[in-house]
Amino acid sequence: MASFWELQIKSQLGKLNLSSSLPNFIETQQRVNNLEILPIELTHIYALEALPSHHRDPFDRILIAQAIVEKIPLLSVDSIFDVYPVQRIWE
């Protein structure tokens, strides 16, 4: 959910041009890549307190907290995630 929230903001600010509307983009990505949308839960919010301040981006920090709590890897090209106890995947 945090990633889609950030996409919406970047799109509105003109920092991101999507090939279709955000709802269509999300629906296509869910279908093509079999994406499961992870909601932001209170446990994810609470996990933010224990995160070191290596990085200040609130969207990245919630993704890191979710990855830690849910014990799932992150898919990202951003190497800043490597300073946290999460597995980063990028091919």
C-alpha atoms as a PDB file:
ATOM      1  CA  MET A   1       0.000   0.000   0.000  1.00  0.00           C
ATOM      2  CA  ALA A   2       2.850   2.388   0.846  1.00  0.00           C
ATOM      3  CA  SER A   3       4.348   2.013  -2.633  1.00  0.00           C
ATOM      4  CA  PHE A   4       1.057   2.847  -4.331  1.00  0.00           C
ATOM      5  CA  TRP A   5       0.575   5.813  -2.011  1.00  0.00           C
ATOM      6  CA  GLU A   6       4.001   7.118  -3.016  1.00  0.00           C
ATOM      7  CA  LEU A   7       3.229   6.543  -6.713  1.00  0.00           C
ATOM      8  CA  GLN A   8       0.080   8.655  -6.377  1.00  0.00           C
ATOM      9  CA  ILE A   9       1.979  11.514  -4.754  1.00  0.00           C
ATOM     10  CA  LYS A  10       4.809  11.435  -7.307  1.00  0.00           C
ATOM     11  CA  SER A  11       2.299  11.314 -10.147  1.00  0.00           C
ATOM     12  CA  GLN A  12       0.430  14.357  -8.789  1.00  0.00           C
ATOM     13  CA  LEU A  13       3.700  16.277  -8.370  1.00  0.00           C
ATOM     14  CA  GLY A  14       4.676  15.541 -11.975  1.00  0.00           C
ATOM     15  CA  LYS A  15       7.681  13.468 -10.895  1.00  0.00           C
ATOM     16  CA  LEU A  16       6.238  10.287 -12.397  1.00  0.00           C
ATOM     17  CA  ASN A  17       4.388   9.700 -15.635  1.00  0.00           C
ATOM     18  CA  LEU A  18       2.390   6.488 -15.660  1.00  0.00           C
ATOM     19  CA  SER A  19       1.282   4.944 -18.945  1.00  0.00           C
ATOM     20  CA  SER A  20      -2.276   4.739 -17.586  1.00  0.00           C
ATOM     21  CA  SER A  21      -4.299   5.895 -14.597  1.00  0.00           C
ATOM     22  CA  LEU A  22      -3.070   4.724 -11.206  1.00  0.00           C
ATOM     23  CA  PRO A  23      -6.020   2.326 -10.712  1.00  0.00           C
ATOM     24  CA  ASN A  24      -5.356   0.762 -14.123  1.00  0.00           C
ATOM     25  CA  PHE A  25      -1.626   0.588 -13.425  1.00  0.00           C
ATOM     26  CA  ILE A  26      -2.191  -1.164 -10.091  1.00  0.00           C
ATOM     27  CA  GLU A  27      -4.718  -3.591 -11.559  1.00  0.00           C
ATOM     28  CA  THR A  28      -2.358  -4.468 -14.419  1.00  0.00           C
ATOM     29  CA  GLN A  29       0.595  -4.966 -12.064  1.00  0.00           C
ATOM     30  CA  GLN A  30      -1.482  -7.178  -9.784  1.00  0.00           C
ATOM     31  CA  ARG A  31      -2.534  -9.327 -12.709  1.00  0.00           C
ATOM     32  CA  VAL A  32       0.776  -9.471 -14.627  1.00  0.00           C
ATOM     33  CA  ASN A  33       3.098  -9.816 -11.623  1.00  0.00           C
ATOM     34  CA  ASN A  34       0.721 -11.562  -9.241  1.00  0.00           C
ATOM     35  CA  LEU A  35       1.165  -8.774  -6.683  1.00  0.00           C
ATOM     36  CA  GLU A  36      -0.396  -9.007  -3.274  1.00  0.00           C
ATOM     37  CA  ILE A  37      -1.097  -5.655  -1.646  1.00  0.00           C
ATOM     38  CA  LEU A  38       0.164  -5.533   1.920  1.00  0.00           C
ATOM     39  CA  PRO A  39      -1.868  -3.150   4.086  1.00  0.00           C
ATOM     40  CA  ILE A  40      -0.136  -0.923   6.608  1.00  0.00           C
ATOM     41  CA  GLU A  41      -0.901  -2.433  10.010  1.00  0.00           C
ATOM     42  CA  LEU A  42      -0.342  -1.048  13.495  1.00  0.00           C
ATOM     43  CA  THR A  43       2.460  -3.582  14.035  1.00  0.00           C
ATOM     44  CA  HIS A  44       4.293  -1.973  11.108  1.00  0.00           C
ATOM     45  CA  ILE A  45       3.848   1.485  12.606  1.00  0.00           C
ATOM     46  CA  TYR A  46       5.087   0.301  16.003  1.00  0.00           C
ATOM     47  CA  ALA A  47       8.169  -1.290  14.373  1.00  0.00           C
ATOM     48  CA  LEU A  48       9.259   2.141  13.132  1.00  0.00           C
ATOM     49  CA  GLU A  49      10.322   3.075  16.662  1.00  0.00           C
ATOM     50  CA  ALA A  50      13.073   0.456  16.661  1.00  0.00           C
ATOM     51  CA  LEU A  51      14.501   1.417  13.256  1.00  0.00           C
ATOM     52  CA  PRO A  52      17.822   3.251  13.262  1.00  0.00           C
ATOM     53  CA  SER A  53      17.758   6.616  11.478  1.00  0.00           C
ATOM     54  CA  HIS A  54      19.945   5.624   8.521  1.00  0.00           C
ATOM     55  CA  HIS A  55      17.283   6.921   6.189  1.00  0.00           C
ATOM     56  CA  ARG A  56      14.562   9.537   6.625  1.00  0.00           C
ATOM     57  CA  ASP A  57      12.216   8.787   3.718  1.00  0.00           C
ATOM     58  CA  PRO A  58       8.893   7.883   5.389  1.00  0.00           C
ATOM     59  CA  PHE A  59       7.782   5.596   2.548  1.00  0.00           C
ATOM     60  CA  ASP A  60      11.038   3.646   2.600  1.00  0.00           C
ATOM     61  CA  ARG A  61      10.943   3.406   6.388  1.00  0.00           C
ATOM     62  CA  ILE A  62       7.443   1.886   6.409  1.00  0.00           C
ATOM     63  CA  LEU A  63       8.505  -0.584   3.704  1.00  0.00           C
ATOM     64  CA  ILE A  64      11.497  -1.565   5.844  1.00  0.00           C
ATOM     65  CA  ALA A  65       9.300  -1.959   8.925  1.00  0.00           C
ATOM     66  CA  GLN A  66       6.850  -4.108   6.958  1.00  0.00           C
ATOM     67  CA  ALA A  67       9.650  -6.296   5.611  1.00  0.00           C
ATOM     68  CA  ILE A  68      11.008  -6.837   9.122  1.00  0.00           C
ATOM     69  CA  VAL A  69       7.637  -7.546  10.751  1.00  0.00           C
ATOM     70  CA  GLU A  70       6.369  -9.775   7.940  1.00  0.00           C
ATOM     71  CA  LYS A  71       9.774 -11.402   7.361  1.00  0.00           C
ATOM     72  CA  ILE A  72       9.604 -10.732   3.629  1.00  0.00           C
ATOM     73  CA  PRO A  73      12.194  -9.372   1.177  1.00  0.00           C
ATOM     74  CA  LEU A  74      12.036  -5.944  -0.429  1.00  0.00           C
ATOM     75  CA  LEU A  75      12.187  -5.488  -4.173  1.00  0.00           C
ATOM     76  CA  SER A  76      14.204  -2.340  -4.826  1.00  0.00           C
ATOM     77  CA  VAL A  77      17.180  -0.967  -6.703  1.00  0.00           C
ATOM     78  CA  ASP A  78      17.871   1.381  -3.753  1.00  0.00           C
ATOM     79  CA  SER A  79      20.944   0.184  -1.840  1.00  0.00           C
ATOM     80  CA  ILE A  80      19.983   2.233   1.252  1.00  0.00           C
ATOM     81  CA  PHE A  81      17.888  -0.766   2.285  1.00  0.00           C
ATOM     82  CA  ASP A  82      21.088  -2.790   2.712  1.00  0.00           C
ATOM     83  CA  VAL A  83      21.902  -1.026   6.002  1.00  0.00           C
ATOM     84  CA  TYR A  84      18.780  -2.532   7.558  1.00  0.00           C
ATOM     85  CA  PRO A  85      18.159  -6.168   8.536  1.00  0.00           C
ATOM     86  CA  VAL A  86      16.104  -6.923   5.422  1.00  0.00           C
ATOM     87  CA  GLN A  87      16.755  -8.918   2.286  1.00  0.00           C
ATOM     88  CA  ARG A  88      16.777  -6.684  -0.786  1.00  0.00           C
ATOM     89  CA  ILE A  89      16.078  -8.263  -4.144  1.00  0.00           C
ATOM     90  CA  TRP A  90      16.915  -6.648  -7.452  1.00  0.00           C
ATOM     91  CA  GLU A  91      17.688  -8.411 -10.705  1.00  0.00           C
END
